[in-house]
């Protein structure tokens, strides 16, 4: 082989090697892909959460790519499981999830973690026993729902006396945040000596809550208040109170501080709600995931929880 030809061949090989490395370098340089998996986007709370996450990503576009997903209604657990499975197929680096069910999502999230996807839990806490069974550690980034509901219940309690009857409209009963909000309401009612005549699920939905509240008002015509696990259900309860001709006679409280509730806070149809800062909740979860990815932490290295703020909102 002549020297000129040898030099040409070596340059060709070197050039080919550089070209072969380019896709690898591009992949290494690509920002992490974070999937935000929410519950019902028909609920204003999760719309606000998505908007907040997208705004945050826009401000940090070079740091990560956001893939936002949500299900059609709060109880469509199967659809949310499929979303998680699809995100794993698409090789996202992290999943930040507000699970529709505290137990049912654990197996698919365990599978995602086993395949190297970082998992962070927001909004509704995953069941501790289900996580332990799978040997999975998932940080919960969010507020203390029991504490937030007690803030609302304590404010309502100022309008009640011992023996007054109240009803509780719970979210999806298998979800941890629904259970915790009910517990917080019950804590406040026990402290004032009020009688809880029933705890029934409104499934986080306005129409379902309207049906439940209407039945509760018929069964207990002397009920003094309806404590609702979210503002969507509070909207349904307000409508039920109006239909029963009891506006101003039955107090209604909620949780979430969505924009639709604010006119009702202003005119007294809703006495109080709690703000857990929907626009920031997803951001807190995303920040936790990004920090862990940057520090190359594995799932088991993540913190157990990161508590975020919840405040009372009244007129």
Protein backbone atom coordinates (compact mmCIF):
# COMPACT_ATOMS: atom_id res chain seq x y z
CA UNK A 1 0.00 0.00 0.00
CA UNK A 2 1.48 3.39 -0.96
CA UNK A 3 1.85 6.06 1.70
CA UNK A 4 -0.63 8.53 0.09
CA UNK A 5 -3.21 5.78 -0.18
CA UNK A 6 -2.55 4.68 3.44
CA UNK A 7 -2.97 8.25 4.69
CA UNK A 8 -6.24 8.57 2.74
CA UNK A 9 -7.52 5.29 4.17
CA UNK A 10 -6.66 6.35 7.71
CA UNK A 11 -8.42 9.70 7.24
CA UNK A 12 -11.47 7.88 5.89
CA UNK A 13 -11.55 5.53 8.86
CA UNK A 14 -11.11 8.40 11.31
CA UNK A 15 -13.92 10.31 9.64
CA UNK A 16 -16.19 7.27 9.80
CA UNK A 17 -15.41 6.84 13.50
CA UNK A 18 -16.32 10.47 14.20
CA UNK A 19 -19.58 10.11 12.31
CA UNK A 20 -20.39 6.93 14.20
CA UNK A 21 -19.87 8.73 17.50
CA UNK A 22 -22.12 11.68 16.64
CA UNK A 23 -25.45 9.94 17.44
CA UNK A 24 -23.98 8.73 20.73
CA UNK A 25 -22.74 12.21 21.60
CA UNK A 26 -26.13 13.67 20.68
CA UNK A 27 -27.86 11.12 22.87
CA UNK A 28 -25.53 11.89 25.76
CA UNK A 29 -26.13 15.61 25.34
CA UNK A 30 -29.93 15.31 25.11
CA UNK A 31 -31.79 16.71 28.14
CA UNK A 32 -33.71 14.21 30.29
CA UNK A 33 -37.29 13.41 29.33
CA UNK A 34 -39.79 13.74 32.17
CA UNK A 35 -43.34 12.37 31.90
CA UNK A 36 -46.03 14.06 33.98
CA UNK A 37 -48.94 11.63 34.44
CA UNK A 38 -52.02 13.23 35.96
CA UNK A 39 -55.57 12.32 36.80
CA UNK A 40 -58.62 13.82 35.07
CA UNK A 41 -57.84 16.84 32.92
CA UNK A 42 -61.57 17.62 33.09
CA UNK A 43 -60.81 18.73 36.64
CA UNK A 44 -59.59 22.32 36.71
CA UNK A 45 -57.06 21.42 39.42
CA UNK A 46 -55.13 19.17 37.02
CA UNK A 47 -55.46 21.63 34.14
CA UNK A 48 -53.78 24.18 36.40
CA UNK A 49 -51.14 21.60 37.34
CA UNK A 50 -50.39 20.92 33.67
CA UNK A 51 -50.22 24.65 32.85
CA UNK A 52 -47.78 25.20 35.72
CA UNK A 53 -45.56 22.33 34.58
CA UNK A 54 -45.51 23.56 30.98
CA UNK A 55 -44.67 27.10 32.05
CA UNK A 56 -41.82 25.78 34.18
CA UNK A 57 -40.47 23.67 31.31
CA UNK A 58 -40.59 26.66 28.98
CA UNK A 59 -38.43 28.59 31.44
CA UNK A 60 -36.00 25.65 31.65
CA UNK A 61 -36.23 24.34 28.08
CA UNK A 62 -32.54 23.42 27.90
CA UNK A 63 -32.72 21.38 31.10
CA UNK A 64 -35.46 18.85 30.33
CA UNK A 65 -38.23 17.80 27.95
CA UNK A 66 -41.77 17.47 29.34
CA UNK A 67 -44.36 14.94 28.22
CA UNK A 68 -47.70 15.69 29.92
CA UNK A 69 -50.55 13.15 30.01
CA UNK A 70 -53.87 12.81 31.81
CA UNK A 71 -56.88 10.50 31.91
CA UNK A 72 -60.47 11.40 31.04
CA UNK A 73 -61.98 10.83 34.46
CA UNK A 74 -60.76 10.33 38.00
CA UNK A 75 -61.64 6.62 38.17
CA UNK A 76 -60.11 5.40 34.89
CA UNK A 77 -57.23 3.60 36.57
CA UNK A 78 -56.72 1.20 33.64
CA UNK A 79 -56.12 4.10 31.27
CA UNK A 80 -53.54 5.61 33.61
CA UNK A 81 -51.72 2.27 33.87
CA UNK A 82 -51.53 2.19 30.06
CA UNK A 83 -50.07 5.70 30.01
CA UNK A 84 -47.32 4.64 32.41
CA UNK A 85 -46.58 1.57 30.28
CA UNK A 86 -46.37 3.74 27.17
CA UNK A 87 -43.96 6.14 28.87
CA UNK A 88 -41.69 3.20 29.70
CA UNK A 89 -41.82 2.07 26.06
CA UNK A 90 -40.86 5.60 25.02
CA UNK A 91 -37.82 5.45 27.34
CA UNK A 92 -38.54 8.50 29.47
CA UNK A 93 -36.00 9.17 32.20
CA UNK A 94 -38.52 9.96 34.93
CA UNK A 95 -42.24 9.68 35.66
CA UNK A 96 -43.91 12.20 37.97
CA UNK A 97 -47.35 10.80 38.74
CA UNK A 98 -50.58 11.78 40.50
CA UNK A 99 -52.00 8.24 40.75
CA UNK A 100 -55.70 7.63 40.22
CA UNK A 101 -55.53 4.76 42.72
CA UNK A 102 -53.06 4.47 45.60
CA UNK A 103 -52.62 0.68 45.24
CA UNK A 104 -53.43 -0.22 41.64
CA UNK A 105 -50.64 1.89 40.15
CA UNK A 106 -47.88 0.40 42.31
CA UNK A 107 -47.13 -2.73 40.19
CA UNK A 108 -46.71 -0.83 36.92
CA UNK A 109 -44.59 1.84 38.64
CA UNK A 110 -42.43 -0.91 40.17
CA UNK A 111 -41.94 -2.31 36.68
CA UNK A 112 -40.97 1.16 35.41
CA UNK A 113 -38.44 1.60 38.22
CA UNK A 114 -36.98 -1.85 37.53
CA UNK A 115 -36.36 -0.72 33.95
CA UNK A 116 -34.43 2.33 35.12
CA UNK A 117 -37.17 4.97 35.07
CA UNK A 118 -37.09 7.29 38.09
CA UNK A 119 -40.54 7.54 39.76
CA UNK A 120 -41.79 10.48 41.84
CA UNK A 121 -45.27 10.59 43.42
CA UNK A 122 -47.34 13.81 43.69
CA UNK A 123 -50.88 14.78 44.77
CA UNK A 124 -52.19 11.38 45.91
CA UNK A 125 -49.82 9.28 48.00
CA UNK A 126 -49.13 5.70 46.95
CA UNK A 127 -50.07 3.02 49.47
CA UNK A 128 -47.18 2.29 51.87
CA UNK A 129 -47.97 -1.43 52.23
CA UNK A 130 -48.25 -1.91 48.45
CA UNK A 131 -44.89 -0.18 47.97
CA UNK A 132 -43.29 -2.30 50.71
CA UNK A 133 -44.60 -5.47 49.10
CA UNK A 134 -42.84 -4.51 45.87
CA UNK A 135 -39.70 -3.36 47.70
CA UNK A 136 -40.14 0.06 46.12
CA UNK A 137 -39.24 3.47 47.55
CA UNK A 138 -41.12 6.34 45.88
CA UNK A 139 -40.85 9.88 47.27
CA UNK A 140 -44.14 11.65 47.89
CA UNK A 141 -43.91 15.33 47.02
CA UNK A 142 -47.04 17.12 48.19
CA UNK A 143 -49.05 18.55 51.07
CA UNK A 144 -50.32 16.93 54.25
CA UNK A 145 -53.94 16.41 53.15
CA UNK A 146 -55.18 15.63 56.64
CA UNK A 147 -53.69 18.86 57.96
CA UNK A 148 -55.20 20.86 55.07
CA UNK A 149 -58.67 19.37 55.54
CA UNK A 150 -58.52 20.03 59.28
CA UNK A 151 -57.78 23.70 58.55
CA UNK A 152 -60.99 23.85 56.51
CA UNK A 153 -62.96 21.84 59.07
CA UNK A 154 -61.76 24.00 61.95
CA UNK A 155 -62.96 27.11 60.13
CA UNK A 156 -66.38 25.51 59.57
CA UNK A 157 -66.47 24.44 63.23
CA UNK A 158 -66.69 28.10 64.27
CA UNK A 159 -70.19 28.12 62.76
CA UNK A 160 -71.30 24.89 64.46
CA UNK A 161 -72.18 23.68 67.95
CA UNK A 162 -72.05 20.29 69.63
CA UNK A 163 -74.66 17.92 68.22
CA UNK A 164 -74.99 19.63 64.82
CA UNK A 165 -75.22 17.12 61.96
CA UNK A 166 -72.80 17.21 59.03
CA UNK A 167 -72.12 15.04 55.98
CA UNK A 168 -68.81 14.30 54.27
CA UNK A 169 -68.46 13.88 50.50
CA UNK A 170 -65.32 11.84 49.97
CA UNK A 171 -63.27 11.51 46.77
CA UNK A 172 -62.45 8.10 45.30
CA UNK A 173 -62.37 6.03 48.49
CA UNK A 174 -59.36 3.92 47.48
CA UNK A 175 -57.13 6.98 47.18
CA UNK A 176 -54.91 8.07 50.05
CA UNK A 177 -55.62 11.79 49.67
CA UNK A 178 -59.39 11.17 49.81
CA UNK A 179 -58.97 9.13 52.98
CA UNK A 180 -56.70 11.73 54.56
CA UNK A 181 -59.02 14.64 53.78
CA UNK A 182 -61.94 12.73 55.28
CA UNK A 183 -59.83 12.05 58.36
CA UNK A 184 -58.96 15.76 58.65
CA UNK A 185 -62.63 16.74 58.37
CA UNK A 186 -63.54 14.16 61.02
CA UNK A 187 -60.78 15.44 63.33
CA UNK A 188 -62.29 18.94 63.19
CA UNK A 189 -65.88 17.74 63.61
CA UNK A 190 -64.95 15.54 66.58
CA UNK A 191 -63.26 18.50 68.26
CA UNK A 192 -66.42 20.61 68.05
CA UNK A 193 -68.75 17.74 68.92
CA UNK A 194 -70.58 17.65 65.59
CA UNK A 195 -72.22 14.42 64.43
CA UNK A 196 -71.08 13.01 61.06
CA UNK A 197 -74.24 11.41 59.65
CA UNK A 198 -72.52 9.89 56.64
CA UNK A 199 -69.36 9.62 54.55
CA UNK A 200 -70.16 8.92 50.91
CA UNK A 201 -68.01 9.00 47.79
CA UNK A 202 -68.66 11.66 45.18
CA UNK A 203 -65.70 10.24 43.19
CA UNK A 204 -64.17 13.74 42.90
CA UNK A 205 -66.88 14.59 40.31
CA UNK A 206 -69.45 17.40 40.38
CA UNK A 207 -72.42 15.41 39.02
CA UNK A 208 -71.84 12.41 41.27
CA UNK A 209 -71.43 14.71 44.28
CA UNK A 210 -74.66 16.49 43.40
CA UNK A 211 -76.52 13.17 43.46
CA UNK A 212 -74.92 12.12 46.75
CA UNK A 213 -75.48 15.50 48.41
CA UNK A 214 -79.12 15.62 47.30
CA UNK A 215 -79.76 12.19 48.80
CA UNK A 216 -77.98 13.17 52.01
CA UNK A 217 -80.09 16.31 52.36
CA UNK A 218 -83.29 14.32 51.84
CA UNK A 219 -82.28 11.67 54.37
CA UNK A 220 -81.07 14.22 56.93
CA UNK A 221 -83.10 17.41 56.44
CA UNK A 222 -81.54 18.95 59.54
CA UNK A 223 -77.94 18.58 58.31
CA UNK A 224 -75.97 21.80 58.91
CA UNK A 225 -72.95 21.35 56.64
CA UNK A 226 -71.45 19.36 53.77
CA UNK A 227 -67.67 18.88 53.82
CA UNK A 228 -66.38 18.09 50.34
CA UNK A 229 -63.03 16.47 49.55
CA UNK A 230 -62.46 18.72 46.54
CA UNK A 231 -63.98 21.82 44.97
CA UNK A 232 -65.52 19.89 42.06
CA UNK A 233 -67.68 18.05 44.59
CA UNK A 234 -68.34 21.30 46.44
CA UNK A 235 -69.82 22.72 43.21
CA UNK A 236 -72.18 19.74 43.07
CA UNK A 237 -73.07 20.16 46.74
CA UNK A 238 -73.86 23.87 46.29
CA UNK A 239 -76.25 22.97 43.48
CA UNK A 240 -77.90 20.33 45.68
CA UNK A 241 -78.31 22.81 48.53
CA UNK A 242 -79.92 25.29 46.16
CA UNK A 243 -82.32 22.65 44.75
CA UNK A 244 -83.31 21.73 48.30
CA UNK A 245 -84.12 25.38 49.02
CA UNK A 246 -81.47 25.53 51.75
CA UNK A 247 -79.03 28.13 50.45
CA UNK A 248 -77.73 30.05 53.45
CA UNK A 249 -78.89 27.29 55.82
CA UNK A 250 -76.39 24.55 54.95
CA UNK A 251 -72.68 25.36 54.94
CA UNK A 252 -70.47 23.91 52.18
CA UNK A 253 -66.68 23.63 52.28
CA UNK A 254 -64.26 22.26 49.68
CA UNK A 255 -60.60 21.69 48.93
CA UNK A 256 -58.30 22.86 46.06
CA UNK A 257 -59.21 26.55 45.52
CA UNK A 258 -60.04 26.23 41.83
CA UNK A 259 -61.16 29.41 40.06
CA UNK A 260 -64.77 28.20 39.73
CA UNK A 261 -65.14 28.19 43.51
CA UNK A 262 -63.99 31.78 44.05
CA UNK A 263 -67.33 33.52 43.24
CA UNK A 264 -69.00 31.13 45.68
CA UNK A 265 -66.49 31.99 48.39
CA UNK A 266 -67.21 35.65 47.73
CA UNK A 267 -70.99 35.36 48.12
CA UNK A 268 -70.97 32.77 50.90
CA UNK A 269 -72.29 29.73 49.04
CA UNK A 270 -68.97 28.10 49.96
CA UNK A 271 -67.55 28.91 53.37
CA UNK A 272 -63.93 27.81 52.87
CA UNK A 273 -61.51 25.73 50.82
CA UNK A 274 -57.82 24.82 50.93
CA UNK A 275 -55.16 25.88 48.44
CA UNK A 276 -52.46 23.30 47.81
CA UNK A 277 -50.99 25.29 44.91
CA UNK A 278 -51.81 23.12 41.91
CA UNK A 279 -49.52 25.02 39.55
CA UNK A 280 -46.55 24.31 41.80
CA UNK A 281 -47.25 20.70 42.78
CA UNK A 282 -46.06 19.18 39.52
CA UNK A 283 -43.09 21.56 39.48
CA UNK A 284 -41.99 20.39 42.94
CA UNK A 285 -42.16 16.79 41.70
CA UNK A 286 -40.29 17.59 38.49
CA UNK A 287 -37.58 19.43 40.43
CA UNK A 288 -37.16 16.40 42.71
CA UNK A 289 -36.80 14.11 39.69
CA UNK A 290 -34.34 16.41 37.87
CA UNK A 291 -32.16 16.80 40.97
CA UNK A 292 -32.01 13.02 41.38
CA UNK A 293 -31.16 12.50 37.70
CA UNK A 294 -28.43 15.14 37.83
CA UNK A 295 -26.92 13.53 40.93
CA UNK A 296 -27.29 10.08 39.33
CA UNK A 297 -29.35 8.79 42.26
CA UNK A 298 -31.22 5.51 42.04
CA UNK A 299 -34.81 5.00 43.20
CA UNK A 300 -33.76 3.67 46.60
CA UNK A 301 -31.60 6.77 47.22
CA UNK A 302 -34.54 9.18 47.00
CA UNK A 303 -36.10 10.86 50.06
CA UNK A 304 -39.29 9.35 51.48
CA UNK A 305 -41.22 12.62 51.23
CA UNK A 306 -41.05 16.33 50.53
CA UNK A 307 -43.92 18.20 52.23
CA UNK A 308 -45.35 21.20 50.37
CA UNK A 309 -47.60 23.99 51.59
CA UNK A 310 -51.38 23.99 52.04
CA UNK A 311 -53.31 27.03 53.31
CA UNK A 312 -56.88 27.91 54.30
CA UNK A 313 -58.82 30.10 51.86
CA UNK A 314 -61.98 31.95 52.91
CA UNK A 315 -63.98 34.94 51.79
